[in-house]
N, C-alpha and C. Protein backbone atom coordinates (compact mmCIF):
# COMPACT_ATOMS: atom_id res chain seq x y z
N MET A 1 33.25 9.04 -32.97
CA MET A 1 32.63 9.34 -31.42
C MET A 1 31.54 8.43 -30.75
N LYS A 2 31.80 7.76 -30.12
CA LYS A 2 30.72 7.11 -29.36
C LYS A 2 29.75 7.92 -28.48
N LYS A 3 28.69 7.89 -28.67
CA LYS A 3 27.85 8.60 -27.48
C LYS A 3 26.90 7.83 -26.90
N LEU A 4 26.76 8.31 -25.49
CA LEU A 4 25.59 7.31 -25.06
C LEU A 4 24.70 8.37 -24.32
N ILE A 5 23.67 8.60 -24.45
CA ILE A 5 22.34 9.31 -24.02
C ILE A 5 21.62 8.48 -22.95
N LEU A 6 21.61 9.30 -21.43
CA LEU A 6 20.82 8.64 -20.47
C LEU A 6 19.44 9.54 -19.99
N ASP A 7 18.77 9.06 -19.71
CA ASP A 7 17.72 9.95 -18.74
C ASP A 7 18.34 9.85 -17.25
N CYS A 8 18.51 11.25 -16.91
CA CYS A 8 19.21 11.41 -15.48
C CYS A 8 18.44 10.76 -14.13
N ASP A 9 17.12 11.47 -14.36
CA ASP A 9 16.55 11.69 -12.78
C ASP A 9 15.93 9.92 -12.81
N GLY A 10 16.20 9.46 -12.01
CA GLY A 10 15.84 7.79 -11.71
C GLY A 10 16.90 7.08 -12.34
N VAL A 11 17.91 7.41 -13.37
CA VAL A 11 18.92 6.55 -13.51
C VAL A 11 20.11 6.60 -12.95
N LEU A 12 20.64 8.28 -13.08
CA LEU A 12 22.15 8.41 -12.19
C LEU A 12 21.55 9.29 -10.76
N LEU A 13 20.48 9.65 -11.02
CA LEU A 13 20.18 10.65 -9.72
C LEU A 13 19.06 10.49 -8.94
N ASP A 14 18.69 10.81 -7.93
CA ASP A 14 17.44 9.99 -7.13
C ASP A 14 16.39 10.87 -7.11
N TRP A 15 15.83 11.39 -8.12
CA TRP A 15 14.74 12.22 -7.86
C TRP A 15 13.84 11.70 -6.89
N GLY A 16 13.15 10.63 -6.81
CA GLY A 16 12.45 10.32 -6.26
C GLY A 16 12.42 10.66 -4.63
N TYR A 17 13.71 10.35 -4.23
CA TYR A 17 14.14 10.77 -2.79
C TYR A 17 13.83 11.83 -2.49
N ALA A 18 14.34 13.00 -3.21
CA ALA A 18 14.77 14.33 -3.29
C ALA A 18 13.06 15.19 -2.87
N PHE A 19 12.29 14.33 -4.11
CA PHE A 19 11.06 14.51 -4.04
C PHE A 19 10.06 14.44 -3.13
N GLU A 20 10.42 13.21 -2.38
CA GLU A 20 9.98 12.60 -1.00
C GLU A 20 10.05 13.80 0.00
N VAL A 21 11.42 13.98 0.36
CA VAL A 21 11.96 15.04 1.33
C VAL A 21 11.24 16.39 0.75
N TRP A 22 11.49 16.88 -0.12
CA TRP A 22 10.72 18.21 -0.54
C TRP A 22 9.04 18.60 -0.30
N MET A 23 8.26 17.13 -0.63
CA MET A 23 6.85 16.97 -0.28
C MET A 23 6.70 16.87 1.27
N ALA A 24 7.59 16.11 2.09
CA ALA A 24 7.44 16.20 3.64
C ALA A 24 7.75 17.55 4.30
N ASP A 25 8.81 18.61 3.47
CA ASP A 25 8.69 20.16 3.79
C ASP A 25 7.32 20.68 3.77
N GLN A 26 6.66 20.14 2.37
CA GLN A 26 5.26 20.56 2.21
C GLN A 26 4.10 20.37 3.02
N GLY A 27 4.37 19.46 4.09
CA GLY A 27 3.36 19.02 4.83
C GLY A 27 2.69 17.59 4.53
N TYR A 28 3.22 17.07 3.30
CA TYR A 28 2.72 15.77 3.05
C TYR A 28 3.50 14.38 3.59
N ILE A 29 3.02 13.48 4.14
CA ILE A 29 3.48 12.35 4.51
C ILE A 29 3.10 11.13 3.24
N LYS A 30 4.39 10.63 2.98
CA LYS A 30 4.39 9.23 1.98
C LYS A 30 3.68 8.34 2.92
N LEU A 31 2.58 7.45 2.24
CA LEU A 31 2.28 6.39 2.79
C LEU A 31 3.23 5.21 2.97
N PRO A 32 2.93 4.33 3.80
CA PRO A 32 3.57 3.08 4.33
C PRO A 32 3.55 2.21 2.74
N ASP A 33 4.47 1.47 2.40
CA ASP A 33 4.74 0.48 1.73
C ASP A 33 4.53 0.85 0.45
N THR A 34 4.65 2.14 -0.11
CA THR A 34 4.28 2.16 -1.64
C THR A 34 5.80 2.55 -2.41
N ASP A 35 6.59 2.24 -1.85
CA ASP A 35 7.99 2.29 -2.60
C ASP A 35 7.76 1.75 -3.67
N LYS A 36 7.15 0.91 -4.30
CA LYS A 36 6.63 -0.03 -5.38
C LYS A 36 6.04 0.88 -6.53
N TYR A 37 5.57 2.23 -5.94
CA TYR A 37 4.90 2.61 -7.19
C TYR A 37 5.67 4.01 -7.19
N PHE A 38 5.79 4.07 -8.80
CA PHE A 38 6.26 5.60 -9.57
C PHE A 38 5.51 6.52 -9.13
N ASN A 39 3.99 6.08 -9.44
CA ASN A 39 2.99 7.32 -9.56
C ASN A 39 2.91 7.79 -8.12
N MET A 40 3.40 9.60 -7.97
CA MET A 40 3.57 9.92 -6.74
C MET A 40 2.00 10.09 -6.10
N ALA A 41 1.19 10.08 -6.77
CA ALA A 41 -0.46 9.87 -6.24
C ALA A 41 -0.66 8.84 -5.24
N LYS A 42 -0.22 7.70 -5.77
CA LYS A 42 -0.19 6.65 -4.76
C LYS A 42 0.46 6.60 -3.91
N ARG A 43 1.98 7.42 -3.78
CA ARG A 43 2.96 7.16 -2.55
C ARG A 43 2.52 8.22 -1.59
N PHE A 44 1.66 9.13 -2.01
CA PHE A 44 1.04 10.28 -0.97
C PHE A 44 -0.39 10.46 -0.66
N GLY A 45 -1.20 9.35 -1.74
CA GLY A 45 -2.45 9.67 -1.69
C GLY A 45 -3.37 10.59 -1.89
N ILE A 46 -2.66 11.10 -3.09
CA ILE A 46 -3.43 12.24 -3.39
C ILE A 46 -3.98 11.91 -4.77
N SER A 47 -4.70 12.92 -5.32
CA SER A 47 -5.10 12.96 -6.90
C SER A 47 -4.07 12.86 -7.79
N ASN A 48 -4.15 12.43 -8.78
CA ASN A 48 -3.47 12.86 -10.12
C ASN A 48 -2.86 13.59 -10.25
N ASP A 49 -4.12 14.80 -10.48
CA ASP A 49 -4.03 16.20 -10.54
C ASP A 49 -3.24 17.03 -9.74
N GLU A 50 -3.26 16.60 -8.66
CA GLU A 50 -2.42 17.42 -7.46
C GLU A 50 -1.03 16.95 -7.43
N SER A 51 -1.02 15.46 -7.46
CA SER A 51 0.47 15.20 -7.93
C SER A 51 1.15 15.69 -8.93
N TYR A 52 0.66 15.77 -10.11
CA TYR A 52 1.06 16.46 -11.37
C TYR A 52 1.68 17.60 -10.91
N GLU A 53 0.77 18.51 -10.19
CA GLU A 53 1.09 20.00 -9.96
C GLU A 53 2.40 20.05 -9.18
N LYS A 54 2.53 19.01 -8.04
CA LYS A 54 3.58 18.83 -7.09
C LYS A 54 4.87 18.58 -7.66
N VAL A 55 4.58 17.69 -8.72
CA VAL A 55 6.14 17.02 -9.58
C VAL A 55 6.30 18.69 -10.35
N ILE A 56 5.52 19.30 -10.99
CA ILE A 56 5.98 20.56 -11.72
C ILE A 56 6.16 21.58 -10.92
N GLU A 57 5.49 21.99 -9.85
CA GLU A 57 6.25 22.59 -8.92
C GLU A 57 7.53 22.26 -8.05
N PHE A 58 7.92 21.16 -7.89
CA PHE A 58 9.06 20.48 -7.49
C PHE A 58 10.14 20.91 -8.20
N ASN A 59 9.95 20.61 -9.65
CA ASN A 59 10.61 20.74 -10.83
C ASN A 59 11.36 22.16 -11.13
N ASN A 60 10.37 22.94 -10.84
CA ASN A 60 10.79 24.10 -10.75
C ASN A 60 11.26 25.04 -9.78
N THR A 61 11.59 24.13 -8.68
CA THR A 61 12.13 24.82 -7.21
C THR A 61 13.74 25.09 -7.66
N GLY A 62 14.38 24.86 -8.93
CA GLY A 62 16.00 24.88 -8.72
C GLY A 62 16.22 23.42 -8.37
N VAL A 63 16.22 22.72 -7.46
CA VAL A 63 16.52 21.60 -7.06
C VAL A 63 17.35 20.38 -7.64
N LEU A 64 16.66 20.57 -8.69
CA LEU A 64 17.06 19.59 -10.18
C LEU A 64 18.53 19.42 -9.93
N GLY A 65 19.27 20.44 -9.86
CA GLY A 65 20.48 20.91 -9.84
C GLY A 65 21.43 20.33 -8.63
N TYR A 66 20.59 19.72 -7.80
CA TYR A 66 21.13 19.50 -6.99
C TYR A 66 20.70 17.72 -6.02
N LEU A 67 20.22 17.27 -6.78
CA LEU A 67 19.69 15.64 -6.76
C LEU A 67 21.04 14.72 -6.49
N PRO A 68 20.61 14.21 -5.44
CA PRO A 68 21.84 13.13 -4.69
C PRO A 68 21.90 12.05 -5.94
N ALA A 69 23.09 11.65 -5.88
CA ALA A 69 23.57 10.58 -7.07
C ALA A 69 23.51 9.05 -6.15
N TYR A 70 22.82 8.52 -7.40
CA TYR A 70 22.50 6.80 -6.84
C TYR A 70 23.95 6.20 -6.81
N LYS A 71 23.96 5.50 -5.68
CA LYS A 71 25.27 4.58 -5.29
C LYS A 71 26.25 3.86 -6.41
N ASP A 72 27.24 4.54 -6.90
CA ASP A 72 27.93 3.86 -7.95
C ASP A 72 27.88 4.78 -9.32
N ALA A 73 26.88 5.72 -9.45
CA ALA A 73 26.35 6.73 -10.32
C ALA A 73 27.84 7.13 -11.05
N VAL A 74 28.42 7.82 -9.69
CA VAL A 74 29.82 8.72 -10.16
C VAL A 74 30.68 8.44 -10.38
N GLU A 75 31.03 7.14 -10.14
CA GLU A 75 32.00 5.92 -10.22
C GLU A 75 31.81 5.52 -11.56
N TYR A 76 31.01 5.33 -12.21
CA TYR A 76 30.51 4.84 -13.61
C TYR A 76 30.50 5.89 -14.49
N VAL A 77 29.74 6.77 -14.35
CA VAL A 77 29.82 8.04 -15.23
C VAL A 77 31.34 8.78 -15.27
N THR A 78 31.78 8.35 -14.54
CA THR A 78 33.32 9.03 -14.30
C THR A 78 34.03 8.11 -15.07
N ARG A 79 33.96 6.86 -14.95
CA ARG A 79 34.71 5.81 -16.09
C ARG A 79 34.14 5.69 -17.35
N PHE A 80 33.03 6.21 -17.85
CA PHE A 80 32.52 6.38 -18.98
C PHE A 80 33.16 7.49 -19.23
N HIS A 81 33.66 8.40 -18.64
CA HIS A 81 33.93 9.59 -19.31
C HIS A 81 35.07 9.78 -19.84
N ARG A 82 35.87 9.00 -18.69
CA ARG A 82 37.20 8.75 -18.81
C ARG A 82 37.83 7.47 -20.31
N GLU A 83 36.62 6.65 -20.52
CA GLU A 83 36.96 5.75 -21.45
C GLU A 83 36.32 6.32 -23.05
N TRP A 84 35.18 6.99 -22.59
CA TRP A 84 34.30 7.27 -24.03
C TRP A 84 34.51 8.58 -24.42
N LEU A 85 35.07 9.66 -23.59
CA LEU A 85 34.70 11.07 -23.25
C LEU A 85 33.53 11.81 -23.58
N GLU A 86 32.54 11.38 -24.09
CA GLU A 86 31.75 12.12 -24.01
C GLU A 86 30.02 11.45 -23.74
N TYR A 87 29.40 12.17 -23.25
CA TYR A 87 28.13 11.58 -22.78
C TYR A 87 27.05 12.89 -22.71
N ARG A 88 26.05 12.37 -22.60
CA ARG A 88 24.93 13.71 -22.39
C ARG A 88 23.46 12.56 -21.36
N SER A 89 23.43 13.90 -20.34
CA SER A 89 22.54 13.20 -19.54
C SER A 89 20.98 14.38 -19.63
N TYR A 90 19.82 13.73 -19.24
CA TYR A 90 18.80 14.60 -19.28
C TYR A 90 17.83 14.18 -18.24
N ILE A 91 17.23 15.30 -17.73
CA ILE A 91 16.01 15.18 -16.69
C ILE A 91 14.97 15.03 -17.63
N ASN A 92 14.26 13.95 -17.04
CA ASN A 92 12.73 13.87 -17.86
C ASN A 92 11.38 14.93 -17.00
N ASP A 93 12.05 16.09 -17.93
CA ASP A 93 10.63 17.06 -17.66
C ASP A 93 9.99 17.66 -18.58
N ARG A 94 9.02 17.37 -18.76
CA ARG A 94 7.79 17.56 -19.68
C ARG A 94 7.95 18.52 -20.37
N THR A 95 8.60 19.77 -19.51
CA THR A 95 8.77 21.19 -19.90
C THR A 95 9.62 21.89 -20.90
N ARG A 96 10.82 21.12 -20.32
CA ARG A 96 12.27 22.08 -20.60
C ARG A 96 13.00 20.26 -20.45
N GLN A 97 14.53 20.85 -21.24
CA GLN A 97 15.47 19.97 -20.79
C GLN A 97 16.41 20.54 -19.84
N VAL A 98 16.47 20.00 -18.82
CA VAL A 98 16.95 20.64 -17.78
C VAL A 98 18.67 20.40 -17.58
N CYS A 99 19.24 19.39 -18.18
CA CYS A 99 20.58 19.15 -18.25
C CYS A 99 21.07 18.43 -19.13
């Protein structure tokens, strides 16, 4: 059986958008013209340590099970499942496997 293993967040699911919404709820403001940075410290003008703490806090909120899918991700995962029958996806979390 063929298998495809994918990193789920940032590939199939829009982790960045969900994180930005959550950060706004926490009172943080995303800096303008920072979409080119994956580093959340640069996006929000905070230290790397604070950014790391916020990412860990966000990843432990339970929201990971509700991340929005990228456009076309549902269609292509469904197609892959229909044609190849098995896939595994993972959310990159240093502390645990999420899905």
